[in-house]
C-alpha atoms as a PDB file:
ATOM      1  CA  MET A   1      66.809  95.108  90.501  1.00  0.00           C
ATOM      2  CA  THR A   2      64.140  94.352  93.054  1.00  0.00           C
ATOM      3  CA  ASP A   3      63.449  96.425  96.150  1.00  0.00           C
ATOM      4  CA  GLN A   4      64.643  93.494  98.347  1.00  0.00           C
ATOM      5  CA  GLN A   5      67.922  93.134  96.387  1.00  0.00           C
ATOM      6  CA  LEU A   6      68.487  96.892  96.528  1.00  0.00           C
ATOM      7  CA  SER A   7      67.717  97.022 100.257  1.00  0.00           C
ATOM      8  CA  LEU A   8      70.195  94.180 100.991  1.00  0.00           C
ATOM      9  CA  LEU A   9      72.840  95.837  98.753  1.00  0.00           C
ATOM     10  CA  GLN A  10      72.468  99.127 100.648  1.00  0.00           C
ATOM     11  CA  ALA A  11      72.777  97.231 103.996  1.00  0.00           C
ATOM     12  CA  ILE A  12      75.944  95.677 102.750  1.00  0.00           C
ATOM     13  CA  MET A  13      77.353  99.086 101.834  1.00  0.00           C
ATOM     14  CA  SER A  14      76.359 100.495 105.266  1.00  0.00           C
ATOM     15  CA  TYR A  15      78.017  97.615 107.103  1.00  0.00           C
ATOM     16  CA  ARG A  16      81.171  97.960 104.951  1.00  0.00           C
ATOM     17  CA  PHE A  17      81.330 101.665 105.815  1.00  0.00           C
ATOM     18  CA  ALA A  18      80.847 100.985 109.504  1.00  0.00           C
ATOM     19  CA  VAL A  19      83.503  98.124 109.576  1.00  0.00           C
ATOM     20  CA  LEU A  20      85.991 100.526 107.823  1.00  0.00           C
ATOM     21  CA  GLU A  21      85.351 103.390 110.156  1.00  0.00           C
ATOM     22  CA  PHE A  22      85.604 101.221 113.285  1.00  0.00           C
ATOM     23  CA  ASN A  23      88.775  99.764 111.870  1.00  0.00           C
ATOM     24  CA  LEU A  24      90.362 103.212 111.416  1.00  0.00           C
ATOM     25  CA  TYR A  25      89.181 104.240 114.882  1.00  0.00           C
ATOM     26  CA  LEU A  26      90.615 101.118 116.514  1.00  0.00           C
ATOM     27  CA  ASN A  27      93.978 101.812 114.929  1.00  0.00           C
ATOM     28  CA  THR A  28      94.349 104.717 117.271  1.00  0.00           C
ATOM     29  CA  HIS A  29      92.134 103.451 120.190  1.00  0.00           C
ATOM     30  CA  PRO A  30      92.979  99.793 120.436  1.00  0.00           C
ATOM     31  CA  ARG A  31      91.736  99.381 124.018  1.00  0.00           C
ATOM     32  CA  ASP A  32      88.289 100.792 123.400  1.00  0.00           C
ATOM     33  CA  LYS A  33      86.242  97.706 124.249  1.00  0.00           C
ATOM     34  CA  GLY A  34      82.962  99.207 123.234  1.00  0.00           C
ATOM     35  CA  ALA A  35      84.319 100.083 119.807  1.00  0.00           C
ATOM     36  CA  LEU A  36      85.811  96.649 119.416  1.00  0.00           C
ATOM     37  CA  ASP A  37      82.452  95.058 120.339  1.00  0.00           C
ATOM     38  CA  GLN A  38      80.656  97.173 117.747  1.00  0.00           C
ATOM     39  CA  TYR A  39      83.297  96.411 115.147  1.00  0.00           C
ATOM     40  CA  ASN A  40      82.832  92.683 115.739  1.00  0.00           C
ATOM     41  CA  LYS A  41      79.119  93.054 115.603  1.00  0.00           C
ATOM     42  CA  PHE A  42      79.265  94.928 112.238  1.00  0.00           C
ATOM     43  CA  CYS A  43      81.707  92.379 110.850  1.00  0.00           C
ATOM     44  CA  GLN A  44      79.308  89.576 111.661  1.00  0.00           C
ATOM     45  CA  GLU A  45      76.376  91.519 110.140  1.00  0.00           C
ATOM     46  CA  LEU A  46      78.378  92.153 107.015  1.00  0.00           C
ATOM     47  CA  ARG A  47      79.373  88.462 106.688  1.00  0.00           C
ATOM     48  CA  GLU A  48      75.718  87.457 107.041  1.00  0.00           C
ATOM     49  CA  ALA A  49      74.378  90.120 104.662  1.00  0.00           C
ATOM     50  CA  CYS A  50      77.039  89.212 102.013  1.00  0.00           C
ATOM     51  CA  SER A  51      76.291  85.499 102.357  1.00  0.00           C
ATOM     52  CA  LYS A  52      72.575  86.042 102.039  1.00  0.00           C
ATOM     53  CA  TYR A  53      73.084  88.326  99.018  1.00  0.00           C
ATOM     54  CA  GLN A  54      75.420  85.980  97.243  1.00  0.00           C
ATOM     55  CA  LYS A  55      73.230  82.934  97.785  1.00  0.00           C
ATOM     56  CA  LYS A  56      70.233  84.708  96.303  1.00  0.00           C
ATOM     57  CA  TYR A  57      71.724  87.135  93.728  1.00  0.00           C
ATOM     58  CA  GLY A  58      75.168  85.911  92.885  1.00  0.00           C
ATOM     59  CA  PRO A  59      78.714  87.109  93.701  1.00  0.00           C
ATOM     60  CA  LEU A  60      79.450  90.663  94.893  1.00  0.00           C
ATOM     61  CA  THR A  61      83.014  90.615  93.442  1.00  0.00           C
ATOM     62  CA  ALA A  62      84.827  88.853  90.614  1.00  0.00           C
ATOM     63  CA  THR A  63      86.875  87.010  93.217  1.00  0.00           C
ATOM     64  CA  PHE A  64      84.175  85.112  95.040  1.00  0.00           C
ATOM     65  CA  PRO A  65      86.300  82.415  96.595  1.00  0.00           C
ATOM     66  CA  ASN A  66      83.808  79.719  97.336  1.00  0.00           C
ATOM     67  CA  ASP A  67      82.235  79.526  93.827  1.00  0.00           C
ATOM     68  CA  PRO A  68      84.417  78.340  90.971  1.00  0.00           C
ATOM     69  CA  GLU A  69      81.848  79.477  88.360  1.00  0.00           C
ATOM     70  CA  TRP A  70      82.156  82.883  86.752  1.00  0.00           C
ATOM     71  CA  GLU A  71      78.816  84.712  87.234  1.00  0.00           C
ATOM     72  CA  TYR A  72      79.937  88.276  87.857  1.00  0.00           C
ATOM     73  CA  TYR A  73      79.066  89.353  84.305  1.00  0.00           C
ATOM     74  CA  GLU A  74      75.384  88.383  84.856  1.00  0.00           C
ATOM     75  CA  THR A  75      74.726  90.990  87.472  1.00  0.00           C
ATOM     76  CA  ASP A  76      74.199  94.766  87.065  1.00  0.00           C
ATOM     77  CA  TRP A  77      77.274  96.966  87.134  1.00  0.00           C
ATOM     78  CA  PRO A  78      77.318  99.517  89.959  1.00  0.00           C
ATOM     79  CA  TRP A  79      76.532 102.361  87.514  1.00  0.00           C
ATOM     80  CA  GLN A  80      73.513 100.436  86.137  1.00  0.00           C
ATOM     81  CA  ILE A  81      71.771 100.289  89.584  1.00  0.00           C
ATOM     82  CA  ASN A  82      69.053 102.785  90.306  1.00  0.00           C
ATOM     83  CA  TYR A  83      69.701 103.577  93.945  1.00  0.00           C
ATOM     84  CA  SER A  84      66.665 105.865  94.386  1.00  0.00           C
END
């Protein structure tokens, strides 16, 4: 795994975490406009990062909806990635 691929994968994981946390927060604070704006920003960043990753390195999940070809087996499994 290249440094660029690892960096992009780490960004995706960070964005997913932020989206989930803002989602949970907005469940109890639905009128917090600042949080909603941040949530929308992170959702967009996540979509862009996932799209960039998938175009360059292949699908992130086995259910990649826009690509009928099965390529998931060609990528490293999560436990095979050296995150350090």
